């Protein structure tokens, strides 16, 4: 037999491509954190400095000590952040199941009169 007919006997032929689908990618970048604790607003907004966009299943861990503000204070801080991307199969699963979880929010009741 020729080599063309024996390619299915090569061990790599039967190896599934699963390891590539289950691989998480990680990278470290910086982020800007805008925090305010006042009577007008209570928020903490994080924006990634390199313009990365987080997708379904991605995880972000801001590094550094906790930030504590007293009432009436606000600040803007730059910190390193590590981003762990979801693998493609996990991302697909999260997108599919999120539609079912979203339907739980639609539990709306239209009743006549007031509720106790």
C-alpha atoms as a PDB file:
ATOM      1  CA  UNK A   1       0.000   0.000   0.000  1.00  0.00           C
ATOM      2  CA  UNK A   2       1.090   3.520  -0.617  1.00  0.00           C
ATOM      3  CA  UNK A   3       1.528   6.200   2.044  1.00  0.00           C
ATOM      4  CA  UNK A   4      -1.655   7.848   0.838  1.00  0.00           C
ATOM      5  CA  UNK A   5      -3.680   4.794   1.858  1.00  0.00           C
ATOM      6  CA  UNK A   6      -1.936   4.382   5.236  1.00  0.00           C
ATOM      7  CA  UNK A   7      -2.536   7.872   6.648  1.00  0.00           C
ATOM      8  CA  UNK A   8      -5.311   6.558   8.916  1.00  0.00           C
ATOM      9  CA  UNK A   9      -2.750   4.316  10.674  1.00  0.00           C
ATOM     10  CA  UNK A  10      -0.804   7.349  11.894  1.00  0.00           C
ATOM     11  CA  UNK A  11      -1.588   7.981  15.627  1.00  0.00           C
ATOM     12  CA  UNK A  12      -2.197  11.707  15.083  1.00  0.00           C
ATOM     13  CA  UNK A  13      -5.011  10.951  12.655  1.00  0.00           C
ATOM     14  CA  UNK A  14      -7.223   9.627  15.474  1.00  0.00           C
ATOM     15  CA  UNK A  15      -6.308  12.297  18.047  1.00  0.00           C
ATOM     16  CA  UNK A  16      -9.300  14.579  18.547  1.00  0.00           C
ATOM     17  CA  UNK A  17      -8.832  18.332  18.484  1.00  0.00           C
ATOM     18  CA  UNK A  18     -10.357  18.593  21.990  1.00  0.00           C
ATOM     19  CA  UNK A  19      -7.251  19.840  23.817  1.00  0.00           C
ATOM     20  CA  UNK A  20      -7.309  22.970  21.669  1.00  0.00           C
ATOM     21  CA  UNK A  21     -11.019  23.534  22.389  1.00  0.00           C
ATOM     22  CA  UNK A  22     -10.488  23.165  26.144  1.00  0.00           C
ATOM     23  CA  UNK A  23      -7.489  25.473  26.413  1.00  0.00           C
ATOM     24  CA  UNK A  24      -7.846  28.725  28.352  1.00  0.00           C
ATOM     25  CA  UNK A  25      -5.905  31.758  27.245  1.00  0.00           C
ATOM     26  CA  UNK A  26      -4.667  34.186  29.878  1.00  0.00           C
ATOM     27  CA  UNK A  27      -3.006  37.558  29.649  1.00  0.00           C
ATOM     28  CA  UNK A  28      -2.119  40.435  31.940  1.00  0.00           C
ATOM     29  CA  UNK A  29      -2.826  44.060  31.116  1.00  0.00           C
ATOM     30  CA  UNK A  30      -3.681  47.234  32.998  1.00  0.00           C
ATOM     31  CA  UNK A  31      -7.044  48.743  33.837  1.00  0.00           C
ATOM     32  CA  UNK A  32      -8.383  52.060  35.059  1.00  0.00           C
ATOM     33  CA  UNK A  33     -10.761  51.949  38.010  1.00  0.00           C
ATOM     34  CA  UNK A  34     -13.094  54.880  38.654  1.00  0.00           C
ATOM     35  CA  UNK A  35     -14.671  54.735  42.126  1.00  0.00           C
ATOM     36  CA  UNK A  36     -17.090  57.124  43.800  1.00  0.00           C
ATOM     37  CA  UNK A  37     -18.823  56.882  47.182  1.00  0.00           C
ATOM     38  CA  UNK A  38     -21.008  59.940  47.633  1.00  0.00           C
ATOM     39  CA  UNK A  39     -24.639  60.930  47.989  1.00  0.00           C
ATOM     40  CA  UNK A  40     -24.817  61.375  44.206  1.00  0.00           C
ATOM     41  CA  UNK A  41     -23.320  58.040  43.212  1.00  0.00           C
ATOM     42  CA  UNK A  42     -21.992  54.742  44.517  1.00  0.00           C
ATOM     43  CA  UNK A  43     -20.076  53.007  41.715  1.00  0.00           C
ATOM     44  CA  UNK A  44     -16.884  51.274  40.666  1.00  0.00           C
ATOM     45  CA  UNK A  45     -16.271  51.211  36.909  1.00  0.00           C
ATOM     46  CA  UNK A  46     -13.399  49.225  35.404  1.00  0.00           C
ATOM     47  CA  UNK A  47     -12.144  49.831  31.866  1.00  0.00           C
ATOM     48  CA  UNK A  48      -9.348  47.837  30.263  1.00  0.00           C
ATOM     49  CA  UNK A  49      -6.547  50.059  28.993  1.00  0.00           C
ATOM     50  CA  UNK A  50      -5.678  47.883  25.988  1.00  0.00           C
ATOM     51  CA  UNK A  51      -9.248  47.970  24.662  1.00  0.00           C
ATOM     52  CA  UNK A  52      -9.945  44.274  25.303  1.00  0.00           C
ATOM     53  CA  UNK A  53     -13.571  43.217  25.404  1.00  0.00           C
ATOM     54  CA  UNK A  54     -14.763  40.533  27.788  1.00  0.00           C
ATOM     55  CA  UNK A  55     -17.026  37.826  26.435  1.00  0.00           C
ATOM     56  CA  UNK A  56     -19.309  35.225  28.014  1.00  0.00           C
ATOM     57  CA  UNK A  57     -17.405  33.114  30.555  1.00  0.00           C
ATOM     58  CA  UNK A  58     -14.311  35.327  30.693  1.00  0.00           C
ATOM     59  CA  UNK A  59     -12.888  36.042  34.136  1.00  0.00           C
ATOM     60  CA  UNK A  60     -11.088  39.180  35.240  1.00  0.00           C
ATOM     61  CA  UNK A  61      -9.048  39.550  38.438  1.00  0.00           C
ATOM     62  CA  UNK A  62      -7.888  43.035  39.410  1.00  0.00           C
ATOM     63  CA  UNK A  63      -4.623  42.770  41.332  1.00  0.00           C
ATOM     64  CA  UNK A  64      -3.563  44.869  44.290  1.00  0.00           C
ATOM     65  CA  UNK A  65      -4.782  45.691  47.778  1.00  0.00           C
ATOM     66  CA  UNK A  66      -8.465  46.453  48.440  1.00  0.00           C
ATOM     67  CA  UNK A  67      -9.582  50.019  47.797  1.00  0.00           C
ATOM     68  CA  UNK A  68     -11.489  51.681  50.628  1.00  0.00           C
ATOM     69  CA  UNK A  69     -13.169  55.065  50.337  1.00  0.00           C
ATOM     70  CA  UNK A  70     -14.906  57.104  52.985  1.00  0.00           C
ATOM     71  CA  UNK A  71     -18.244  58.718  52.261  1.00  0.00           C
ATOM     72  CA  UNK A  72     -17.874  61.695  49.917  1.00  0.00           C
ATOM     73  CA  UNK A  73     -14.634  60.484  48.298  1.00  0.00           C
ATOM     74  CA  UNK A  74     -13.891  59.489  44.722  1.00  0.00           C
ATOM     75  CA  UNK A  75     -10.715  58.334  42.992  1.00  0.00           C
ATOM     76  CA  UNK A  76      -9.293  56.962  39.760  1.00  0.00           C
ATOM     77  CA  UNK A  77      -6.626  54.245  40.026  1.00  0.00           C
ATOM     78  CA  UNK A  78      -4.606  52.232  37.498  1.00  0.00           C
ATOM     79  CA  UNK A  79      -4.002  48.577  38.409  1.00  0.00           C
ATOM     80  CA  UNK A  80      -2.755  45.408  36.703  1.00  0.00           C
ATOM     81  CA  UNK A  81      -5.465  42.929  35.784  1.00  0.00           C
ATOM     82  CA  UNK A  82      -5.286  39.291  34.673  1.00  0.00           C
ATOM     83  CA  UNK A  83      -7.863  38.138  32.149  1.00  0.00           C
ATOM     84  CA  UNK A  84      -8.688  34.461  31.707  1.00  0.00           C
ATOM     85  CA  UNK A  85     -10.601  33.787  28.501  1.00  0.00           C
ATOM     86  CA  UNK A  86     -13.228  31.053  28.388  1.00  0.00           C
ATOM     87  CA  UNK A  87     -12.491  28.221  26.003  1.00  0.00           C
ATOM     88  CA  UNK A  88     -14.743  28.014  22.914  1.00  0.00           C
ATOM     89  CA  UNK A  89     -16.849  25.096  24.143  1.00  0.00           C
ATOM     90  CA  UNK A  90     -17.473  26.822  27.501  1.00  0.00           C
ATOM     91  CA  UNK A  91     -18.379  30.082  25.751  1.00  0.00           C
ATOM     92  CA  UNK A  92     -20.894  28.271  23.544  1.00  0.00           C
ATOM     93  CA  UNK A  93     -22.444  26.526  26.576  1.00  0.00           C
ATOM     94  CA  UNK A  94     -22.816  29.821  28.455  1.00  0.00           C
ATOM     95  CA  UNK A  95     -24.438  31.506  25.460  1.00  0.00           C
ATOM     96  CA  UNK A  96     -26.940  28.659  25.078  1.00  0.00           C
ATOM     97  CA  UNK A  97     -27.881  28.408  28.764  1.00  0.00           C
ATOM     98  CA  UNK A  98     -28.105  32.164  29.259  1.00  0.00           C
ATOM     99  CA  UNK A  99     -31.315  32.266  27.202  1.00  0.00           C
ATOM    100  CA  UNK A 100     -33.000  29.936  29.711  1.00  0.00           C
ATOM    101  CA  UNK A 101     -31.741  31.954  32.688  1.00  0.00           C
ATOM    102  CA  UNK A 102     -32.953  35.153  31.070  1.00  0.00           C
ATOM    103  CA  UNK A 103     -36.467  33.748  30.883  1.00  0.00           C
ATOM    104  CA  UNK A 104     -36.555  33.620  34.704  1.00  0.00           C
ATOM    105  CA  UNK A 105     -36.601  37.413  34.665  1.00  0.00           C
ATOM    106  CA  UNK A 106     -39.826  37.371  32.675  1.00  0.00           C
ATOM    107  CA  UNK A 107     -41.872  36.137  35.627  1.00  0.00           C
ATOM    108  CA  UNK A 108     -44.283  39.073  35.505  1.00  0.00           C
ATOM    109  CA  UNK A 109     -47.733  39.052  36.928  1.00  0.00           C
ATOM    110  CA  UNK A 110     -50.530  41.386  35.874  1.00  0.00           C
ATOM    111  CA  UNK A 111     -53.045  41.368  38.690  1.00  0.00           C
ATOM    112  CA  UNK A 112     -55.933  43.648  39.295  1.00  0.00           C
ATOM    113  CA  UNK A 113     -55.624  45.494  42.545  1.00  0.00           C
ATOM    114  CA  UNK A 114     -52.773  45.888  44.963  1.00  0.00           C
ATOM    115  CA  UNK A 115     -50.614  43.156  46.365  1.00  0.00           C
ATOM    116  CA  UNK A 116     -50.425  42.834  50.158  1.00  0.00           C
END
